[in-house]
Amino acid sequence: MVHGARQLSAKPLGGRIQGERVVPSHFSSIGFPLESQEELQSLTERLLPECEEHRTSLGRYVRYASPCGAELWFQVDAHDELVGVTPYFAAQTRLTVGLTGSVNRPDDTPLEGALQAWASPSADEPADSGHYPFVFDCPDYRLYGEIAFPTVAQASIAAFAHELSFFRSIEEFNASQSEQPGFASQSFIPSGLFSPDGESHDPPRSEALLTGHVRAAAKRTNPATGKQYLSAEVESYGGAFHVVSDPELVSEPLVPGGVVQGSFWLCGRLVTLPPTRAARGILRRLFSR
């Protein structure tokens, strides 16, 4: 049984205001246009009977998985209180990552966290050998246990659009790069690691500036709300990501062969489970005999 939440954590919940324009939230990026704690609470009560549970030593995750790919990972602490929820999209793209550490922020719930990684690393040197470092939030962070860093894994990473531009072809994108040096049509800047003036973010954020080629795209309908959102598999520098977006951000549909560019929140799950510290310790003892 799940009790009521004291203050259900959802970061961010409603849209952010920029001038007179509302920037869509992570929830509306997958067809959940929530604007208040009351709306979130009502949705939670409606969806909980359709969820599956995943238990950890610090509580449990209650996962709602929609046929359209949209997911909500509700967090229930050790006192059986509903304390948070993370939106996610069940991406089919895969990215090889070199995991180097974890990130726990001051306002995280006990079941929230992020992973530090390098994109497309060397199998022999998972730390510092990939194309670039970045950070991504994990909706199921505590299910991985105490990961034995560094290690290589496969991740399925969804990029939730904060800002998004679409170009119908690589040529159209290249023509838009009037300022030099311009962006390549496949590029990735880990903006969550540092500010525009070069200062490091502490703790680092799960954010990036991403440009990539659209290899598949669709407008999906979330059956829980009837709301639509945009979905695209994108090949960027270093690997593939799955972009999701509120339709309000772009004026035309995304299509294969085009280029997307924007700023994103990164949220991913590990497809292959990495070794834990406990398991690695057992192996050391066995092979040292």
Protein backbone atom coordinates (compact mmCIF):
# COMPACT_ATOMS: atom_id res chain seq x y z
CA MET A 1 0.00 0.00 0.00
CA VAL A 2 1.27 3.47 -0.87
CA HIS A 3 0.38 6.31 1.47
CA GLY A 4 -0.07 9.94 0.42
CA ALA A 5 2.96 12.09 -0.32
CA ARG A 6 4.06 14.88 1.97
CA GLN A 7 5.25 16.90 -1.04
CA LEU A 8 5.66 14.83 -4.16
CA SER A 9 8.98 15.73 -5.83
CA ALA A 10 8.90 16.22 -9.60
CA LYS A 11 11.75 18.27 -11.09
CA PRO A 12 10.63 20.26 -12.98
CA LEU A 13 6.85 19.88 -12.84
CA GLY A 14 5.25 22.81 -14.64
CA GLY A 15 6.57 24.82 -17.56
CA ARG A 16 9.23 27.45 -16.96
CA ILE A 17 8.52 31.04 -17.92
CA GLN A 18 10.80 32.77 -20.44
CA GLY A 19 9.46 36.24 -21.14
CA GLU A 20 5.83 35.64 -22.05
CA ARG A 21 6.44 32.10 -23.27
CA VAL A 22 5.98 28.91 -21.24
CA VAL A 23 8.78 26.41 -21.82
CA PRO A 24 7.30 22.87 -21.75
CA SER A 25 8.25 20.56 -18.90
CA HIS A 26 9.83 17.13 -18.95
CA PHE A 27 6.37 15.69 -18.36
CA SER A 28 4.75 17.39 -21.34
CA SER A 29 7.64 16.08 -23.46
CA ILE A 30 6.04 12.63 -23.17
CA GLY A 31 2.39 13.65 -23.17
CA PHE A 32 1.81 14.46 -19.50
CA PRO A 33 1.05 18.23 -19.50
CA LEU A 34 1.06 18.67 -15.70
CA GLU A 35 1.00 22.18 -14.28
CA SER A 36 0.38 21.71 -10.55
CA GLN A 37 0.99 19.37 -7.65
CA GLU A 38 -2.75 18.70 -7.58
CA GLU A 39 -2.72 17.47 -11.19
CA LEU A 40 0.29 15.28 -10.46
CA GLN A 41 -1.38 13.83 -7.37
CA SER A 42 -4.56 13.05 -9.31
CA LEU A 43 -2.60 11.37 -12.12
CA THR A 44 -0.62 9.35 -9.58
CA GLU A 45 -3.76 7.98 -7.93
CA ARG A 46 -5.19 7.03 -11.33
CA LEU A 47 -2.09 5.27 -12.65
CA LEU A 48 -0.81 3.44 -9.55
CA PRO A 49 -3.10 0.40 -10.05
CA GLU A 50 -1.46 -0.17 -13.47
CA CYS A 51 2.11 -0.06 -12.16
CA GLU A 52 4.75 -2.66 -11.35
CA GLU A 53 7.06 -2.56 -8.34
CA HIS A 54 10.86 -2.76 -8.12
CA ARG A 55 12.24 -3.02 -4.58
CA THR A 56 15.52 -1.68 -3.21
CA SER A 57 17.06 -1.43 0.26
CA LEU A 58 15.97 2.24 0.51
CA GLY A 59 12.42 1.85 -0.77
CA ARG A 60 10.82 0.92 -4.04
CA TYR A 61 10.09 2.19 -7.49
CA VAL A 62 6.56 1.93 -8.85
CA ARG A 63 6.81 2.03 -12.64
CA TYR A 64 4.05 3.05 -15.04
CA ALA A 65 4.92 1.98 -18.61
CA SER A 66 2.69 3.22 -21.41
CA PRO A 67 2.40 1.39 -24.75
CA CYS A 68 3.57 4.63 -26.41
CA GLY A 69 6.95 4.48 -24.63
CA ALA A 70 6.22 7.13 -21.98
CA GLU A 71 7.06 6.03 -18.45
CA LEU A 72 6.70 7.42 -14.94
CA TRP A 73 8.88 6.06 -12.14
CA PHE A 74 7.21 6.80 -8.79
CA GLN A 75 9.45 6.68 -5.72
CA VAL A 76 8.22 5.19 -2.45
CA ASP A 77 10.57 5.50 0.52
CA ALA A 78 11.23 3.05 3.36
CA HIS A 79 8.31 4.56 5.34
CA ASP A 80 5.90 3.75 2.50
CA GLU A 81 5.57 7.41 1.56
CA LEU A 82 5.34 8.49 -2.08
CA VAL A 83 8.17 11.04 -2.30
CA GLY A 84 9.00 11.57 -5.96
CA VAL A 85 8.44 10.77 -9.62
CA THR A 86 10.76 10.79 -12.63
CA PRO A 87 9.52 10.85 -16.25
CA TYR A 88 11.32 8.63 -18.74
CA PHE A 89 10.94 7.38 -22.32
CA ALA A 90 11.68 3.73 -23.15
CA ALA A 91 14.23 4.45 -25.87
CA GLN A 92 15.30 1.74 -28.32
CA THR A 93 18.61 3.50 -29.02
CA ARG A 94 21.77 2.20 -27.37
CA LEU A 95 24.87 4.10 -26.31
CA THR A 96 28.07 2.52 -25.01
CA VAL A 97 29.13 4.39 -21.87
CA GLY A 98 32.15 4.28 -19.61
CA LEU A 99 30.71 4.78 -16.13
CA THR A 100 33.07 6.67 -13.84
CA GLY A 101 31.01 7.72 -10.82
CA SER A 102 27.67 8.69 -9.36
CA VAL A 103 26.06 12.05 -8.61
CA ASN A 104 23.79 12.74 -5.63
CA ARG A 105 22.41 16.26 -5.35
CA PRO A 106 21.30 18.00 -2.12
CA ASP A 107 17.62 18.04 -3.11
CA ASP A 108 17.48 14.42 -4.33
CA THR A 109 15.12 11.96 -2.68
CA PRO A 110 16.72 8.73 -1.33
CA LEU A 111 15.81 7.02 -4.63
CA GLU A 112 17.15 9.67 -7.02
CA GLY A 113 20.61 9.91 -8.54
CA ALA A 114 22.67 10.28 -11.69
CA LEU A 115 25.68 8.63 -13.31
CA GLN A 116 28.85 10.19 -14.70
CA ALA A 117 29.98 8.68 -17.99
CA TRP A 118 32.12 8.91 -21.10
CA ALA A 119 30.48 8.32 -24.49
CA SER A 120 31.83 5.45 -26.61
CA PRO A 121 34.88 4.64 -24.44
CA SER A 122 37.63 2.13 -24.98
CA ALA A 123 36.67 -1.23 -23.47
CA ASP A 124 40.08 -1.44 -21.78
CA GLU A 125 39.96 2.10 -20.35
CA PRO A 126 36.35 3.07 -19.54
CA ALA A 127 37.46 6.22 -17.70
CA ASP A 128 38.64 9.25 -19.69
CA SER A 129 38.89 7.42 -23.04
CA GLY A 130 35.62 8.28 -24.79
CA HIS A 131 34.48 11.13 -27.02
CA TYR A 132 33.28 13.33 -24.13
CA PRO A 133 32.15 13.16 -20.48
CA PHE A 134 28.53 13.80 -19.50
CA VAL A 135 25.98 13.06 -16.78
CA PHE A 136 22.54 11.46 -17.03
CA ASP A 137 19.79 10.98 -14.46
CA CYS A 138 18.49 7.45 -13.83
CA PRO A 139 14.82 6.82 -13.03
CA ASP A 140 15.85 3.48 -11.43
CA TYR A 141 19.14 4.65 -9.88
CA ARG A 142 19.05 2.50 -6.73
CA LEU A 143 18.37 -0.74 -8.63
CA TYR A 144 22.02 -0.84 -9.75
CA GLY A 145 23.47 -1.16 -6.26
CA GLU A 146 27.02 0.00 -5.51
CA ILE A 147 28.51 0.04 -9.02
CA ALA A 148 32.18 -0.91 -9.26
CA PHE A 149 33.54 2.13 -11.13
CA PRO A 150 34.98 2.45 -13.71
CA THR A 151 33.13 0.04 -15.98
CA VAL A 152 31.59 -0.18 -19.44
CA ALA A 153 27.84 -0.60 -19.96
CA GLN A 154 25.10 -0.11 -22.53
CA ALA A 155 22.63 2.69 -21.79
CA SER A 156 19.31 3.71 -23.27
CA ILE A 157 19.22 7.52 -22.98
CA ALA A 158 16.26 9.77 -23.65
CA ALA A 159 16.90 13.46 -24.38
CA PHE A 160 13.99 15.64 -23.17
CA ALA A 161 13.94 18.87 -25.17
CA HIS A 162 14.12 22.25 -23.41
CA GLU A 163 14.67 24.04 -26.74
CA LEU A 164 14.49 22.40 -30.16
CA SER A 165 15.10 23.38 -33.79
CA PHE A 166 14.51 21.13 -36.81
CA PHE A 167 16.12 21.33 -40.25
CA ARG A 168 14.78 19.25 -43.14
CA SER A 169 18.23 18.27 -44.41
CA ILE A 170 21.90 18.40 -43.54
CA GLU A 171 22.35 21.01 -46.25
CA GLU A 172 19.66 23.22 -44.71
CA PHE A 173 21.31 22.90 -41.30
CA ASN A 174 24.77 23.71 -42.68
CA ALA A 175 23.36 26.80 -44.42
CA SER A 176 21.96 28.01 -41.08
CA GLN A 177 25.42 28.13 -39.48
CA SER A 178 26.16 31.75 -40.34
CA GLU A 179 28.42 32.37 -37.34
CA GLN A 180 31.83 30.73 -37.40
CA PRO A 181 32.90 28.40 -36.06
CA GLY A 182 29.49 26.77 -36.50
CA PHE A 183 28.17 23.50 -35.12
CA ALA A 184 28.65 20.23 -36.97
CA SER A 185 25.43 18.42 -37.85
CA GLN A 186 26.48 15.77 -35.33
CA SER A 187 27.80 17.39 -32.18
CA PHE A 188 27.44 17.13 -28.40
CA ILE A 189 28.36 19.67 -25.73
CA PRO A 190 28.00 18.50 -22.09
CA SER A 191 26.56 21.84 -20.92
CA GLY A 192 25.59 20.30 -17.58
CA LEU A 193 29.23 20.13 -16.59
CA PHE A 194 30.04 23.83 -16.88
CA SER A 195 28.45 27.26 -17.20
CA PRO A 196 28.83 29.57 -20.25
CA ASP A 197 31.67 31.40 -18.50
CA GLY A 198 33.59 28.14 -18.08
CA GLU A 199 32.91 27.56 -14.38
CA SER A 200 32.17 23.95 -13.42
CA HIS A 201 28.68 23.07 -12.21
CA ASP A 202 28.88 21.51 -8.76
CA PRO A 203 27.09 19.17 -8.63
CA PRO A 204 27.01 18.53 -12.39
CA ARG A 205 23.68 18.64 -14.22
CA SER A 206 22.20 16.08 -16.59
CA GLU A 207 22.02 18.52 -19.50
CA ALA A 208 23.53 18.80 -22.98
CA LEU A 209 23.50 20.77 -26.20
CA LEU A 210 22.93 18.14 -28.86
CA THR A 211 22.83 18.15 -32.66
CA GLY A 212 22.17 15.03 -34.68
CA HIS A 213 20.72 13.28 -37.71
CA VAL A 214 17.13 12.00 -37.44
CA ARG A 215 17.03 8.34 -38.44
CA ALA A 216 13.42 7.63 -37.35
CA ALA A 217 10.62 9.90 -36.11
CA ALA A 218 6.97 9.79 -35.06
CA LYS A 219 4.25 11.82 -33.40
CA ARG A 220 3.00 9.69 -30.51
CA THR A 221 -0.19 9.87 -28.46
CA ASN A 222 -0.06 9.20 -24.72
CA PRO A 223 -3.15 7.02 -24.03
CA ALA A 224 -3.27 8.08 -20.37
CA THR A 225 -3.93 11.72 -21.33
CA GLY A 226 -4.74 11.75 -25.06
CA LYS A 227 -1.93 14.30 -25.53
CA GLN A 228 0.63 14.08 -28.32
CA TYR A 229 4.40 14.47 -28.26
CA LEU A 230 7.28 14.19 -30.72
CA SER A 231 9.70 11.29 -30.75
CA ALA A 232 12.89 10.77 -32.80
CA GLU A 233 15.89 8.47 -32.88
CA VAL A 234 18.90 10.73 -33.36
CA GLU A 235 22.45 9.81 -34.31
CA SER A 236 24.79 12.36 -32.78
CA TYR A 237 28.53 12.56 -32.22
CA GLY A 238 29.52 9.65 -30.01
CA GLY A 239 26.32 7.64 -30.34
CA ALA A 240 22.53 7.51 -30.53
CA PHE A 241 19.95 9.21 -28.32
CA HIS A 242 16.15 9.25 -28.37
CA VAL A 243 14.76 12.79 -28.43
CA VAL A 244 11.29 13.54 -27.06
CA SER A 245 9.60 16.93 -27.17
CA ASP A 246 6.44 18.84 -26.49
CA PRO A 247 4.98 19.71 -29.95
CA GLU A 248 4.88 23.37 -28.87
CA LEU A 249 8.64 23.63 -29.39
CA VAL A 250 8.69 23.07 -33.16
CA SER A 251 6.36 24.20 -35.95
CA GLU A 252 6.74 21.17 -38.25
CA PRO A 253 6.96 17.40 -37.80
CA LEU A 254 10.32 15.71 -37.40
CA VAL A 255 11.18 13.43 -40.33
CA PRO A 256 14.05 11.04 -41.12
CA GLY A 257 16.95 12.65 -42.95
CA GLY A 258 16.60 15.93 -41.10
CA VAL A 259 18.70 17.44 -38.32
CA VAL A 260 17.63 18.36 -34.79
CA GLN A 261 19.47 20.79 -32.55
CA GLY A 262 18.67 21.98 -29.07
CA SER A 263 19.21 21.84 -25.34
CA PHE A 264 18.14 18.74 -23.46
CA TRP A 265 17.75 17.02 -20.11
CA LEU A 266 19.26 13.52 -20.25
CA CYS A 267 17.58 10.59 -18.50
CA GLY A 268 18.69 7.03 -19.07
CA ARG A 269 18.59 3.42 -17.91
CA LEU A 270 21.37 0.86 -18.08
CA VAL A 271 20.53 -1.96 -20.49
CA THR A 272 23.41 -4.12 -19.26
CA LEU A 273 23.86 -4.27 -15.50
CA PRO A 274 27.40 -3.29 -14.45
CA PRO A 275 29.33 -5.24 -11.78
CA THR A 276 28.84 -4.16 -8.18
CA ARG A 277 31.57 -3.58 -5.63
CA ALA A 278 30.45 -6.63 -3.68
CA ALA A 279 30.57 -8.90 -6.74
CA ARG A 280 33.98 -7.59 -7.81
CA GLY A 281 35.28 -8.17 -4.28
CA ILE A 282 34.12 -11.80 -4.36
CA LEU A 283 35.84 -12.38 -7.71
CA ARG A 284 39.08 -10.91 -6.39
CA ARG A 285 39.01 -13.26 -3.42
CA LEU A 286 38.27 -16.29 -5.59
CA PHE A 287 41.02 -15.65 -8.12
CA SER A 288 43.62 -14.60 -5.57
CA ARG A 289 43.66 -18.06 -4.02
